Every structure is written in C-alpha cells, then in structure tokens.
Amino acid sequence: MDNHPIYKIDCVFTGVRYTLDSSNALEKVSITQKRVQLIEKVQSFMLNGDVYLFEKDYTYSGTLKLNGEKIATIRNLDNTNTNLTNRIHIEAINDDIASLIAIMYQTFVY
C-alpha cells in the first residue's frame, strides 16, 4: 500500500526471534514457533487480540488459522525447481489475509 509493505517479517538470525510488523495494526509482534513433528513447526502470533497459527505439512502446503478457524491456504504449484520462479496458489478470505499467508509461506516454508 502506497509503496509500503502490508506485512514484514524480521529476525535477528535465521530461525531466531521472528517478529511480524503489521502496517495495518501499527504494531510489531513476536512470532513463536512450536515443534509438532520431528521437523515440523507451527508459527503463532497475536495481532489485535486475535491468535493466528501458520502450519505447513510435508507437501509444503500451508494453512493459516484465525482463532482456530481456517482463513487461508497456500500451496506450491511447481513440484520441480527448473527455473528461478515458483508459482503458488493462495485461497484466502480477503487480500489482506492472502498477503499475510504469502509472507508467512515465504519466510517459513520456501
């Protein structure tokens, strides 16, 4: 929006202390990671009093939940990495949530 990102994720080092900067909510929140399988993690954060969970599965698809309800999904359309671009498919309740799951996917999956 107006050449400013809607969401931005920062971290001190890769895998350590992620924070989400939301221009809509004008706040910066901590993202926590919880291991759910041997190598699988779930990222969670609280924004405007709502709890968000981002989960990915072994197929590199992702799901974003808001207070326990699924609000967006994302998946990679290119199973082989043969070029410098990858296509993804996003289904979300609105454009704001689509941009949120895209940045979560870019940071924690891709």
Protein backbone atom coordinates (compact mmCIF):
# COMPACT_ATOMS: atom_id res chain seq x y z
CA MET A 1 0.00 0.00 0.00
CA ASP A 2 1.47 3.37 -1.00
CA ASN A 3 4.78 1.58 -1.71
CA HIS A 4 4.92 0.28 1.90
CA PRO A 5 4.58 -3.43 2.74
CA ILE A 6 1.40 -4.53 4.48
CA TYR A 7 3.37 -7.12 6.47
CA LYS A 8 7.07 -7.53 7.06
CA ILE A 9 8.91 -10.24 9.00
CA ASP A 10 12.23 -9.54 10.68
CA CYS A 11 14.57 -11.81 12.62
CA VAL A 12 17.89 -11.45 14.37
CA PHE A 13 19.33 -14.61 12.78
CA THR A 14 17.60 -17.17 10.57
CA GLY A 15 15.40 -19.24 12.86
CA VAL A 16 15.77 -16.95 15.89
CA ARG A 17 13.32 -14.39 17.28
CA TYR A 18 10.97 -13.64 14.40
CA THR A 19 8.78 -10.54 14.60
CA LEU A 20 5.86 -9.52 12.40
CA ASP A 21 5.47 -5.85 11.56
CA SER A 22 1.89 -5.00 10.55
CA SER A 23 1.31 -1.63 8.92
CA ASN A 24 -2.46 -2.12 9.28
CA ALA A 25 -2.33 -2.69 13.05
CA LEU A 26 0.66 -0.36 13.52
CA GLU A 27 2.33 -2.88 15.79
CA LYS A 28 5.22 -5.31 15.86
CA VAL A 29 4.52 -8.70 17.42
CA SER A 30 6.62 -11.71 18.31
CA ILE A 31 6.17 -14.94 16.36
CA THR A 32 6.61 -18.10 18.41
CA GLN A 33 7.50 -21.47 16.95
CA LYS A 34 6.38 -24.80 18.38
CA ARG A 35 7.60 -28.18 17.16
CA VAL A 36 4.71 -30.55 16.31
CA GLN A 37 6.55 -33.35 14.48
CA LEU A 38 10.18 -34.34 14.09
CA ILE A 39 10.91 -31.46 11.70
CA GLU A 40 7.52 -29.71 11.50
CA LYS A 41 6.88 -26.43 13.33
CA VAL A 42 3.83 -24.23 13.81
CA GLN A 43 4.24 -20.47 13.99
CA SER A 44 1.81 -18.45 16.10
CA PHE A 45 1.32 -14.80 16.92
CA MET A 46 -1.30 -12.49 18.37
CA LEU A 47 -2.47 -9.48 16.38
CA ASN A 48 -5.23 -7.11 17.52
CA GLY A 49 -6.22 -9.62 20.20
CA ASP A 50 -6.64 -12.49 17.70
CA VAL A 51 -4.49 -15.62 17.65
CA TYR A 52 -3.04 -16.66 14.28
CA LEU A 53 -1.47 -20.06 13.55
CA PHE A 54 0.52 -20.89 10.44
CA GLU A 55 1.01 -24.61 9.80
CA LYS A 56 2.76 -26.36 6.94
CA ASP A 57 2.65 -30.02 6.05
CA TYR A 58 5.04 -32.45 4.38
CA THR A 59 3.79 -31.42 0.89
CA TYR A 60 4.92 -27.82 1.57
CA SER A 61 1.34 -26.60 1.66
CA GLY A 62 0.40 -24.10 4.34
CA THR A 63 -2.70 -23.23 6.34
CA LEU A 64 -3.40 -20.01 8.23
CA LYS A 65 -5.91 -20.13 11.07
CA LEU A 66 -7.50 -17.27 12.96
CA ASN A 67 -8.73 -18.22 16.45
CA GLY A 68 -8.84 -21.86 15.35
CA GLU A 69 -10.75 -21.27 12.08
CA LYS A 70 -9.03 -21.79 8.71
CA ILE A 71 -8.89 -18.50 6.82
CA ALA A 72 -6.30 -19.21 4.11
CA THR A 73 -4.36 -21.97 2.34
CA ILE A 74 -1.30 -21.84 0.14
CA ARG A 75 0.46 -24.45 -1.96
CA ASN A 76 3.31 -24.66 -4.40
CA LEU A 77 2.23 -25.41 -7.98
CA ASP A 78 5.72 -26.29 -9.23
CA ASN A 79 6.93 -29.64 -7.90
CA THR A 80 10.27 -29.36 -9.66
CA ASN A 81 12.52 -26.37 -9.38
CA THR A 82 13.55 -25.94 -13.01
CA ASN A 83 13.63 -22.16 -13.21
CA LEU A 84 14.09 -19.14 -10.99
CA THR A 85 10.39 -18.67 -10.31
CA ASN A 86 7.87 -20.77 -8.45
CA ARG A 87 4.14 -20.46 -8.83
CA ILE A 88 1.92 -20.66 -5.76
CA HIS A 89 -1.83 -20.95 -5.30
CA ILE A 90 -3.47 -18.94 -2.50
CA GLU A 91 -7.05 -19.15 -1.27
CA ALA A 92 -7.94 -16.60 1.40
CA ILE A 93 -10.93 -14.75 2.82
CA ASN A 94 -9.56 -11.40 1.60
CA ASP A 95 -6.50 -9.74 0.04
CA ASP A 96 -5.05 -8.73 3.41
CA ILE A 97 -5.06 -12.35 4.63
CA ALA A 98 -3.67 -13.51 1.26
CA SER A 99 -0.69 -11.18 1.71
CA LEU A 100 -0.21 -12.42 5.28
CA ILE A 101 -0.10 -16.09 4.31
CA ALA A 102 2.20 -15.28 1.39
CA ILE A 103 4.80 -13.66 3.67
CA MET A 104 4.48 -16.48 6.22
CA TYR A 105 5.00 -19.05 3.45
CA GLN A 106 7.96 -17.16 2.01
CA THR A 107 9.61 -16.96 5.42
CA PHE A 108 8.86 -20.35 6.96
CA VAL A 109 8.41 -22.74 4.02
CA TYR A 110 10.18 -21.54 0.91
